[in-house]
Amino acid sequence: MGTMKAGDVVLLTTAASVQFLRPIFVRVIRELPERHTYDGWVWIEGYELNAAGDAVVRRELYVLRAGVRFQAQPAAPTKPTRRRPVRRGSVRVR
């Protein structure tokens, strides 16, 4: 497994570390190679994601590289969101 790069979404379970009894999804900001670790372990910086995929908290995590599971990136929307004009009426000032 190569290094994790910015934007990668990973699933962390007990395979990555015993601290993840409740699995979490993380969007990686970067690996922290300047921190010395045991062989096969790595520090990563990233955002923990909620069920909707929104970043909820920034974290620094110590994980076993072999236990990190990469997730597929969400598909890009097929068509752009349609914007609706806002109706504007006259304003009454007293």
Protein backbone atom coordinates (compact mmCIF):
# COMPACT_ATOMS: atom_id res chain seq x y z
CA MET A 1 0.00 0.00 0.00
CA GLY A 2 1.35 3.43 -0.93
CA THR A 3 0.98 6.59 1.06
CA MET A 4 -2.44 8.04 1.63
CA LYS A 5 -2.99 11.34 -0.13
CA ALA A 6 -5.24 14.33 0.40
CA GLY A 7 -8.87 13.54 -0.42
CA ASP A 8 -8.68 9.78 0.12
CA VAL A 9 -11.63 8.46 2.12
CA VAL A 10 -10.74 5.56 4.40
CA LEU A 11 -12.64 3.30 6.77
CA LEU A 12 -10.95 2.73 10.11
CA THR A 13 -11.97 -0.34 12.13
CA THR A 14 -10.28 -2.43 14.81
CA ALA A 15 -8.07 -3.79 12.01
CA ALA A 16 -6.44 -0.32 11.93
CA SER A 17 -6.33 0.13 15.72
CA VAL A 18 -8.17 -1.09 18.80
CA GLN A 19 -9.37 2.48 19.39
CA PHE A 20 -11.89 2.08 16.55
CA LEU A 21 -14.41 -0.26 18.21
CA ARG A 22 -16.97 1.94 16.46
CA PRO A 23 -15.73 2.19 12.85
CA ILE A 24 -15.29 5.68 11.42
CA PHE A 25 -14.81 7.17 7.98
CA VAL A 26 -12.03 9.71 7.55
CA ARG A 27 -11.16 12.05 4.67
CA VAL A 28 -7.37 12.23 4.68
CA ILE A 29 -5.63 15.60 4.71
CA ARG A 30 -2.12 14.14 4.78
CA GLU A 31 0.19 11.59 6.30
CA LEU A 32 2.58 12.86 8.96
CA PRO A 33 5.89 11.19 7.97
CA GLU A 34 7.97 13.40 10.28
CA ARG A 35 6.58 11.47 13.26
CA HIS A 36 8.59 8.33 13.91
CA THR A 37 6.49 5.21 14.43
CA TYR A 38 6.77 1.46 14.71
CA ASP A 39 7.13 -0.45 11.46
CA GLY A 40 3.79 -0.61 9.62
CA TRP A 41 2.16 2.20 11.63
CA VAL A 42 1.51 5.74 10.45
CA TRP A 43 0.13 9.04 11.73
CA ILE A 44 -2.53 10.63 9.54
CA GLU A 45 -4.35 13.93 9.76
CA GLY A 46 -7.91 14.05 8.50
CA TYR A 47 -11.56 14.88 9.01
CA GLU A 48 -13.93 12.38 10.61
CA LEU A 49 -17.06 12.10 8.46
CA ASN A 50 -20.66 11.72 9.62
CA ALA A 51 -23.25 9.46 7.93
CA ALA A 52 -23.98 12.15 5.32
CA GLY A 53 -20.28 12.38 4.42
CA ASP A 54 -19.81 15.81 5.99
CA ALA A 55 -16.64 16.62 7.92
CA VAL A 56 -17.46 16.95 11.61
CA VAL A 57 -14.13 17.02 13.46
CA ARG A 58 -10.45 17.30 12.53
CA ARG A 59 -8.31 14.52 14.00
CA GLU A 60 -4.77 13.18 14.10
CA LEU A 61 -4.85 9.38 14.15
CA TYR A 62 -2.26 6.65 14.71
CA VAL A 63 -3.18 3.63 12.58
CA LEU A 64 -1.81 0.34 11.29
CA ARG A 65 -1.35 0.91 7.56
CA ALA A 66 -2.42 -2.65 6.67
CA GLY A 67 -5.74 -2.16 8.50
CA VAL A 68 -6.78 0.98 6.59
CA ARG A 69 -9.54 0.31 4.03
CA PHE A 70 -9.84 2.72 1.11
CA GLN A 71 -13.40 3.62 0.10
CA ALA A 72 -14.68 4.52 -3.34
CA GLN A 73 -15.10 8.22 -3.93
CA PRO A 74 -18.70 9.37 -4.30
CA ALA A 75 -19.78 9.71 -7.91
CA ALA A 76 -19.88 13.21 -9.32
CA PRO A 77 -23.37 14.50 -10.08
CA THR A 78 -24.44 13.77 -13.65
CA LYS A 79 -26.01 17.17 -14.17
CA PRO A 80 -25.54 20.45 -12.37
CA THR A 81 -28.02 21.52 -9.73
CA ARG A 82 -30.67 23.78 -11.16
CA ARG A 83 -30.86 27.17 -9.49
CA ARG A 84 -34.23 28.80 -9.11
CA PRO A 85 -34.57 32.58 -9.24
CA VAL A 86 -35.78 34.29 -6.10
CA ARG A 87 -39.02 36.22 -6.45
CA ARG A 88 -38.59 39.77 -5.42
CA GLY A 89 -41.51 42.02 -4.63
CA SER A 90 -41.88 45.56 -3.54
CA VAL A 91 -40.92 46.43 0.01
CA ARG A 92 -43.17 48.56 2.16
CA VAL A 93 -41.29 50.97 4.42
CA ARG A 94 -43.07 52.81 7.22
